[in-house]
Amino acid sequence: MSGSIRRRKANVTNLVLSKSTSVMPAPAPAMYWSRPTVHGVLPHRLRAHSSVVVGDLMYVFGGTDSHGCLDTLYILELDTFKWMKPHVHGDDRPTPSRAHCAVVVTPQDTATISSTKIYVFGGGDANSYSNALHVLDTDSLVWSRPQTSGPTPCPRRAHSGFVWRGGLYIFAGGDGQRPLNDLHRLDLETMTWAIVDTTATTMAPRGYHSGTLVHDKFIVFGGSDGQECFGDVFILDLVTRRWSEVETGISAGLDFVPQRLSHAATNVGSYIFVTGGHNGKHYCNDLLLLNVANMAWETRKVYGIPPSPRGYHSMVLHDGRLFLFGGFDGKRFYDEIYVLDLSSSAYLPQITNFSIDTVLDTATTPPNDDV
């Protein structure tokens, strides 16, 4: 018996693995891009769609392909890379929509629901703009359109949204006539809309920005007013409702302050990871990190084959990996999934002991009478 074991070990030792020209070598602690093989019911090539994560599933809704706008729901199993096109129910389904926003609302966010839901607000198609709110129950896959009261935000596209302390917040975007920089809150208990009065903002109206919630701060980066591509960073303190413009720094290896629109941004611990987008001249495929502890832009060496330059894609975080889907480069629509394995950086989602307040103390804030 012992002899047979030794022989099997010797055979394994003598195996020579063939090299793959499609896989780049990388050190173990490095971040790495890969494009996994997917199966199932494959989605359309999409841009300006929405993607959110519930459990180990990524829900993709809407967007547009080369033929027009869609109202389709796709679900990707993030552990098996199986795509599904489920049968949805309900008489109040969203119309085909792009450049809307989608957020996850859990029973921890409001006592009025017993299952996790996805709230979809706004968007539109062609020359139409919407301010409709639709809700998908992730257990039953039933769409509904809840009754709300109060001053509903005007119809818009290219806005951002987030959930904080029992409220759904909608920020900025464009209504087809002008860019916006207003902020609205929907009370998830009473389903009442209200305009959020804030102080100290000289932020230019914009859409196709990124809005990222980090603790009790809402961080806005980039976007466009239809004329200019922005590279500024603003922070809203949700407790004091005060905006601050932050002068960002740059670290070694980065010689410019980035400008972006139609990019994707995701909070990973004390960083905001930014991928792709348009810089006012061309589409990009680089990875940028905004250190929210000191508000400095950083870059990292990333191995593997990155996504081609694109904007209007989506990106979500799950299990220490970032999942990028879809997008558009001015000519082509995309349907691939790219995965950024954070590797040794996977500890970043566990970092909670950092503060943005010290940065805000030195941030550039205009006086209240300038508002």
Protein backbone atom coordinates (compact mmCIF):
# COMPACT_ATOMS: atom_id res chain seq x y z
CA MET A 1 0.00 0.00 0.00
CA SER A 2 2.74 2.45 0.92
CA GLY A 3 4.57 1.68 -2.31
CA SER A 4 1.53 2.48 -4.44
CA ILE A 5 1.09 5.80 -2.64
CA ARG A 6 4.73 6.74 -3.31
CA ARG A 7 4.35 5.86 -6.97
CA ARG A 8 1.24 8.05 -7.33
CA LYS A 9 3.08 10.94 -5.73
CA ALA A 10 6.00 10.47 -8.10
CA ASN A 11 3.67 10.49 -11.09
CA VAL A 12 1.99 13.71 -9.97
CA THR A 13 5.37 15.34 -9.41
CA ASN A 14 6.45 14.53 -12.94
CA LEU A 15 3.35 16.05 -14.53
CA VAL A 16 4.05 19.06 -16.75
CA LEU A 17 1.14 21.51 -17.08
CA SER A 18 0.76 23.19 -20.43
CA LYS A 19 0.97 26.98 -20.45
CA SER A 20 -2.00 29.07 -21.53
CA THR A 21 -1.35 32.09 -23.69
CA SER A 22 -4.64 33.62 -22.53
CA VAL A 23 -3.76 33.64 -18.83
CA MET A 24 -1.20 36.12 -17.56
CA PRO A 25 1.00 35.10 -14.62
CA ALA A 26 0.61 37.19 -11.48
CA PRO A 27 1.90 37.14 -7.91
CA ALA A 28 -0.50 35.70 -5.34
CA PRO A 29 -1.32 38.98 -3.55
CA ALA A 30 -2.12 40.93 -6.74
CA MET A 31 -5.48 42.06 -8.07
CA TYR A 32 -6.42 40.19 -11.21
CA TRP A 33 -8.92 40.68 -14.04
CA SER A 34 -10.53 37.61 -15.57
CA ARG A 35 -13.38 36.89 -17.94
CA PRO A 36 -15.21 33.77 -16.78
CA THR A 37 -17.13 31.42 -19.01
CA VAL A 38 -20.85 31.94 -18.52
CA HIS A 39 -23.79 29.70 -19.40
CA GLY A 40 -27.56 29.69 -19.28
CA VAL A 41 -29.87 32.20 -20.95
CA LEU A 42 -27.44 34.89 -22.02
CA PRO A 43 -28.47 38.55 -21.74
CA HIS A 44 -28.57 41.19 -24.44
CA ARG A 45 -25.57 43.40 -25.05
CA LEU A 46 -26.49 46.29 -22.77
CA ARG A 47 -25.63 49.81 -21.73
CA ALA A 48 -27.23 52.15 -19.18
CA HIS A 49 -28.82 49.20 -17.35
CA SER A 50 -28.84 48.64 -13.59
CA SER A 51 -27.24 45.85 -11.56
CA VAL A 52 -27.70 45.10 -7.86
CA VAL A 53 -26.76 42.16 -5.63
CA VAL A 54 -29.12 40.24 -3.36
CA GLY A 55 -27.44 37.29 -1.66
CA ASP A 56 -25.32 35.57 -4.30
CA LEU A 57 -27.45 36.78 -7.20
CA MET A 58 -26.93 39.80 -9.45
CA TYR A 59 -30.16 41.30 -10.81
CA VAL A 60 -29.81 43.17 -14.11
CA PHE A 61 -32.73 45.26 -15.32
CA GLY A 62 -33.42 47.31 -18.42
CA GLY A 63 -30.85 49.17 -20.42
CA THR A 64 -30.61 49.47 -24.17
CA ASP A 65 -29.00 47.47 -26.94
CA SER A 66 -28.43 48.30 -30.60
CA HIS A 67 -32.14 47.81 -31.34
CA GLY A 68 -33.74 49.81 -28.54
CA CYS A 69 -34.64 50.00 -24.87
CA LEU A 70 -35.57 46.92 -22.84
CA ASP A 71 -37.67 46.01 -19.81
CA THR A 72 -36.05 42.61 -19.33
CA LEU A 73 -34.85 41.17 -16.03
CA TYR A 74 -31.81 38.88 -15.99
CA ILE A 75 -30.29 37.17 -12.97
CA LEU A 76 -26.70 35.94 -12.73
CA GLU A 77 -25.64 33.35 -10.16
CA LEU A 78 -22.35 34.90 -9.06
CA ASP A 79 -20.91 31.62 -7.79
CA THR A 80 -21.67 29.52 -10.88
CA PHE A 81 -21.87 32.22 -13.59
CA LYS A 82 -25.22 30.92 -14.75
CA TRP A 83 -27.49 33.47 -16.42
CA MET A 84 -31.26 33.20 -16.02
CA LYS A 85 -34.16 35.07 -17.57
CA PRO A 86 -36.91 34.50 -15.01
CA HIS A 87 -40.61 34.84 -15.63
CA VAL A 88 -41.79 37.91 -13.73
CA HIS A 89 -45.31 38.68 -12.57
CA GLY A 90 -47.51 41.66 -11.82
CA ASP A 91 -49.60 44.09 -13.81
CA ASP A 92 -47.50 47.14 -12.87
CA ARG A 93 -44.22 46.30 -14.55
CA PRO A 94 -41.75 49.00 -15.59
CA THR A 95 -41.76 50.16 -19.17
CA PRO A 96 -38.53 49.76 -21.17
CA SER A 97 -35.98 51.92 -19.41
CA ARG A 98 -32.38 53.05 -19.49
CA ALA A 99 -30.35 55.35 -17.24
CA HIS A 100 -32.66 54.66 -14.29
CA CYS A 101 -31.41 53.76 -10.82
CA ALA A 102 -32.01 50.60 -8.80
CA VAL A 103 -31.42 50.08 -5.08
CA VAL A 104 -31.90 47.18 -2.69
CA VAL A 105 -34.29 47.64 0.25
CA THR A 106 -34.25 45.01 3.01
CA PRO A 107 -36.51 44.41 6.03
CA GLN A 108 -33.73 46.01 8.08
CA ASP A 109 -34.32 49.27 6.17
CA THR A 110 -38.05 49.41 6.86
CA ALA A 111 -40.48 47.42 8.98
CA THR A 112 -43.13 47.66 6.26
CA ILE A 113 -41.66 44.83 4.18
CA SER A 114 -40.91 41.20 5.03
CA SER A 115 -38.71 40.31 2.04
CA THR A 116 -35.90 42.00 0.16
CA LYS A 117 -37.04 44.23 -2.68
CA ILE A 118 -35.46 46.17 -5.53
CA TYR A 119 -36.69 49.73 -6.03
CA VAL A 120 -36.34 51.13 -9.57
CA PHE A 121 -36.84 54.85 -10.11
CA GLY A 122 -36.91 57.04 -13.21
CA GLY A 123 -35.13 56.42 -16.47
CA GLY A 124 -36.78 56.47 -19.86
CA ASP A 125 -36.44 55.68 -23.52
CA ALA A 126 -35.61 57.87 -26.53
CA ASN A 127 -37.16 61.28 -25.77
CA SER A 128 -39.19 60.09 -22.78
CA TYR A 129 -38.25 60.68 -19.14
CA SER A 130 -39.90 58.99 -16.18
CA ASN A 131 -40.42 59.60 -12.47
CA ALA A 132 -42.19 56.30 -11.88
CA LEU A 133 -41.25 54.09 -8.94
CA HIS A 134 -41.48 50.32 -9.38
CA VAL A 135 -40.70 47.60 -6.85
CA LEU A 136 -39.60 44.02 -7.52
CA ASP A 137 -40.10 41.45 -4.76
CA THR A 138 -37.04 39.21 -5.03
CA ASP A 139 -38.86 36.24 -3.47
CA SER A 140 -41.97 36.19 -5.66
CA LEU A 141 -40.57 38.14 -8.65
CA VAL A 142 -43.72 40.27 -8.66
CA TRP A 143 -43.50 43.85 -9.92
CA SER A 144 -45.63 46.50 -8.25
CA ARG A 145 -46.00 50.26 -8.35
CA PRO A 146 -46.56 51.62 -4.84
CA GLN A 147 -48.74 54.61 -4.10
CA THR A 148 -46.75 57.60 -2.87
CA SER A 149 -47.58 61.08 -1.65
CA GLY A 150 -45.71 64.36 -1.44
CA PRO A 151 -43.75 66.23 -4.13
CA THR A 152 -42.48 63.53 -6.49
CA PRO A 153 -39.10 64.24 -8.14
CA CYS A 154 -39.44 65.45 -11.72
CA PRO A 155 -38.93 62.87 -14.49
CA ARG A 156 -35.24 62.21 -15.03
CA ARG A 157 -32.49 59.96 -16.31
CA ALA A 158 -28.80 59.52 -15.41
CA HIS A 159 -29.42 60.13 -11.70
CA SER A 160 -28.15 58.22 -8.66
CA GLY A 161 -29.92 56.72 -5.66
CA PHE A 162 -29.20 55.17 -2.29
CA VAL A 163 -30.93 53.98 0.88
CA TRP A 164 -30.07 55.43 4.30
CA ARG A 165 -31.94 55.31 7.61
CA GLY A 166 -35.32 54.34 6.28
CA GLY A 167 -35.25 56.61 3.25
CA LEU A 168 -34.71 56.23 -0.49
CA TYR A 169 -32.71 59.19 -1.80
CA ILE A 170 -32.67 60.35 -5.44
CA PHE A 171 -29.99 62.80 -6.58
CA ALA A 172 -29.40 64.88 -9.74
CA GLY A 173 -29.62 63.56 -13.32
CA GLY A 174 -31.26 65.33 -16.24
CA ASP A 175 -34.86 65.92 -17.35
CA GLY A 176 -34.23 66.36 -21.07
CA GLN A 177 -34.15 70.14 -20.82
CA ARG A 178 -31.48 70.75 -18.22
CA PRO A 179 -29.14 68.94 -15.81
CA LEU A 180 -30.22 68.74 -12.17
CA ASN A 181 -28.60 68.82 -8.73
CA ASP A 182 -31.63 68.40 -6.47
CA LEU A 183 -32.00 65.81 -3.69
CA HIS A 184 -35.22 64.01 -2.78
CA ARG A 185 -36.11 61.50 -0.05
CA LEU A 186 -38.85 58.88 0.00
CA ASP A 187 -39.81 57.78 3.52
CA LEU A 188 -40.01 54.01 3.20
CA GLU A 189 -42.46 53.74 6.10
CA THR A 190 -45.03 56.31 4.93
CA MET A 191 -44.08 56.31 1.22
CA THR A 192 -43.99 60.11 1.28
CA TRP A 193 -41.66 62.13 -0.93
CA ALA A 194 -39.91 65.25 0.38
CA ILE A 195 -37.31 67.66 -0.98
CA VAL A 196 -34.13 67.53 1.09
CA ASP A 197 -32.86 71.00 1.93
CA THR A 198 -29.06 71.07 2.02
CA THR A 199 -26.51 73.80 2.66
CA ALA A 200 -23.21 74.93 1.20
CA THR A 201 -23.23 73.58 -2.32
CA THR A 202 -21.90 75.15 -5.48
CA MET A 203 -22.04 71.83 -7.29
CA ALA A 204 -22.82 72.12 -10.97
CA PRO A 205 -25.94 70.20 -12.02
CA ARG A 206 -25.00 66.86 -13.57
CA GLY A 207 -25.92 63.39 -14.68
CA TYR A 208 -23.97 60.20 -15.38
CA HIS A 209 -21.97 60.81 -12.21
CA SER A 210 -21.32 58.21 -9.52
CA GLY A 211 -22.92 58.51 -6.11
CA THR A 212 -21.49 56.25 -3.42
CA LEU A 213 -22.74 55.86 0.15
CA VAL A 214 -19.94 55.43 2.71
CA HIS A 215 -21.31 55.25 6.25
CA ASP A 216 -23.29 58.49 6.68
CA LYS A 217 -21.58 60.29 3.80
CA PHE A 218 -22.75 60.41 0.18
CA ILE A 219 -19.79 60.90 -2.17
CA VAL A 220 -20.38 62.27 -5.67
CA PHE A 221 -17.69 62.03 -8.33
CA GLY A 222 -17.63 63.30 -11.89
CA GLY A 223 -20.52 63.33 -14.32
CA SER A 224 -21.47 65.84 -16.97
CA ASP A 225 -23.84 68.74 -17.57
CA GLY A 226 -23.97 67.96 -21.29
CA GLN A 227 -21.08 70.32 -22.02
CA GLU A 228 -18.27 69.52 -19.60
CA CYS A 229 -16.88 66.30 -18.13
CA PHE A 230 -16.31 66.81 -14.41
CA GLY A 231 -13.53 65.57 -12.15
CA ASP A 232 -14.70 67.13 -8.90
CA VAL A 233 -15.65 65.32 -5.69
CA PHE A 234 -18.43 66.46 -3.36
CA ILE A 235 -19.44 64.92 -0.04
CA LEU A 236 -22.86 65.24 1.56
CA ASP A 237 -22.93 64.73 5.32
CA LEU A 238 -26.33 63.09 5.70
CA VAL A 239 -26.56 63.97 9.38
CA THR A 240 -25.95 67.71 8.97
CA ARG A 241 -27.20 67.83 5.34
CA ARG A 242 -24.20 69.92 4.41
CA TRP A 243 -22.30 69.60 1.14
CA SER A 244 -18.52 69.97 0.98
CA GLU A 245 -16.31 70.13 -2.08
CA VAL A 246 -13.12 68.19 -1.50
CA GLU A 247 -9.81 68.98 -3.14
CA THR A 248 -8.48 65.55 -3.98
CA GLY A 249 -4.79 64.66 -4.06
CA ILE A 250 -2.95 62.15 -6.20
CA SER A 251 -0.52 59.44 -5.16
CA ALA A 252 2.67 58.19 -6.74
CA GLY A 253 2.06 56.56 -10.09
CA LEU A 254 -0.81 58.87 -10.97
CA ASP A 255 -0.04 62.21 -12.59
CA PHE A 256 -3.54 63.60 -13.15
CA VAL A 257 -6.83 64.18 -11.37
CA PRO A 258 -9.32 62.05 -13.30
CA GLN A 259 -12.42 63.34 -15.06
CA ARG A 260 -15.18 60.84 -15.75
CA LEU A 261 -18.76 60.37 -16.81
CA SER A 262 -20.72 57.14 -17.33
CA HIS A 263 -18.20 55.30 -15.16
CA ALA A 264 -18.97 52.73 -12.44
CA ALA A 265 -18.01 53.16 -8.79
CA THR A 266 -18.26 50.81 -5.81
CA ASN A 267 -17.32 51.21 -2.16
CA VAL A 268 -14.70 48.68 -1.02
CA GLY A 269 -13.77 49.36 2.60
CA SER A 270 -12.01 52.71 2.82
CA TYR A 271 -11.80 53.05 -0.97
CA ILE A 272 -14.09 53.81 -3.86
CA PHE A 273 -13.12 51.69 -6.88
CA VAL A 274 -13.82 53.44 -10.20
CA THR A 275 -13.75 51.63 -13.54
CA GLY A 276 -14.05 52.85 -17.10
CA GLY A 277 -16.19 55.74 -18.25
CA HIS A 278 -15.49 58.64 -20.59
CA ASN A 279 -12.95 61.35 -19.73
CA GLY A 280 -14.27 63.97 -22.14
CA LYS A 281 -12.00 62.76 -24.94
CA HIS A 282 -12.33 58.99 -25.11
CA TYR A 283 -13.59 55.92 -23.28
CA CYS A 284 -11.28 54.45 -20.62
CA ASN A 285 -10.59 51.04 -19.13
CA ASP A 286 -8.34 51.95 -16.20
CA LEU A 287 -8.94 51.24 -12.53
CA LEU A 288 -8.82 54.18 -10.12
CA LEU A 289 -9.05 54.11 -6.34
CA LEU A 290 -10.24 57.05 -4.27
CA ASN A 291 -8.96 56.72 -0.72
CA VAL A 292 -11.83 58.20 1.27
CA ALA A 293 -9.74 58.42 4.44
CA ASN A 294 -7.48 61.10 2.91
CA MET A 295 -9.34 61.88 -0.34
CA ALA A 296 -6.39 61.01 -2.58
CA TRP A 297 -6.57 59.22 -5.90
CA GLU A 298 -4.45 56.07 -6.15
CA THR A 299 -3.66 53.48 -8.75
CA ARG A 300 -2.71 49.81 -8.44
CA LYS A 301 -0.92 47.29 -10.57
CA VAL A 302 -3.61 44.97 -11.90
CA TYR A 303 -2.83 41.72 -13.70
CA GLY A 304 -4.89 39.78 -16.20
CA ILE A 305 -6.68 41.14 -19.24
CA PRO A 306 -8.89 44.11 -18.33
CA PRO A 307 -12.18 45.02 -19.98
CA SER A 308 -11.84 47.04 -23.15
CA PRO A 309 -12.54 50.79 -22.83
CA ARG A 310 -16.23 51.45 -22.16
CA GLY A 311 -18.83 53.43 -20.26
CA TYR A 312 -22.45 52.94 -19.18
CA HIS A 313 -21.55 49.58 -17.63
CA SER A 314 -22.36 48.32 -14.14
CA MET A 315 -20.18 47.02 -11.31
CA VAL A 316 -21.07 45.28 -8.04
CA LEU A 317 -19.12 43.83 -5.11
CA HIS A 318 -19.64 40.28 -3.89
CA ASP A 319 -17.44 37.96 -1.85
CA GLY A 320 -14.22 39.95 -2.28
CA ARG A 321 -14.66 40.33 -6.02
CA LEU A 322 -15.93 43.07 -8.30
CA PHE A 323 -18.23 42.02 -11.15
CA LEU A 324 -18.38 44.30 -14.20
CA PHE A 325 -21.08 43.80 -16.81
CA GLY A 326 -21.98 45.31 -20.18
CA GLY A 327 -21.28 48.80 -21.42
CA PHE A 328 -20.70 50.76 -24.61
CA ASP A 329 -17.61 52.21 -26.31
CA GLY A 330 -19.28 54.54 -28.80
CA LYS A 331 -19.65 51.80 -31.40
CA ARG A 332 -20.11 48.45 -29.70
CA PHE A 333 -22.41 47.19 -26.97
CA TYR A 334 -21.06 44.55 -24.58
CA ASP A 335 -22.48 41.54 -22.76
CA GLU A 336 -19.41 40.08 -21.04
CA ILE A 337 -18.81 39.59 -17.35
CA TYR A 338 -15.40 40.61 -16.04
CA VAL A 339 -14.28 39.76 -12.52
CA LEU A 340 -11.70 41.71 -10.55
CA ASP A 341 -10.36 39.48 -7.80
CA LEU A 342 -9.19 41.77 -5.01
CA SER A 343 -6.94 39.01 -3.63
CA SER A 344 -5.01 40.36 -0.63
CA SER A 345 -7.12 43.51 -0.95
CA ALA A 346 -10.20 41.43 -0.15
CA TYR A 347 -9.79 42.53 3.46
CA LEU A 348 -10.79 46.03 2.38
CA PRO A 349 -14.55 45.46 2.84
CA GLN A 350 -13.82 44.67 6.49
CA ILE A 351 -12.15 48.03 7.15
CA THR A 352 -14.57 50.16 9.13
CA ASN A 353 -12.28 52.18 11.41
CA PHE A 354 -11.68 55.18 9.20
CA SER A 355 -13.19 58.63 9.24
CA ILE A 356 -14.15 61.06 6.52
CA ASP A 357 -14.85 63.80 9.06
CA THR A 358 -11.19 64.83 9.33
CA VAL A 359 -11.14 65.34 5.57
CA LEU A 360 -14.29 67.43 5.71
CA ASP A 361 -12.73 69.69 8.34
CA THR A 362 -10.28 70.93 5.71
CA ALA A 363 -12.61 70.69 2.71
CA THR A 364 -13.53 73.67 0.62
CA THR A 365 -17.01 74.78 1.71
CA PRO A 366 -18.62 77.98 0.46
CA PRO A 367 -20.48 80.13 2.99
CA ASN A 368 -24.19 79.52 3.43
CA ASP A 369 -25.16 82.88 1.91
CA ASP A 370 -23.66 81.79 -1.40
CA VAL A 371 -26.27 79.05 -1.83
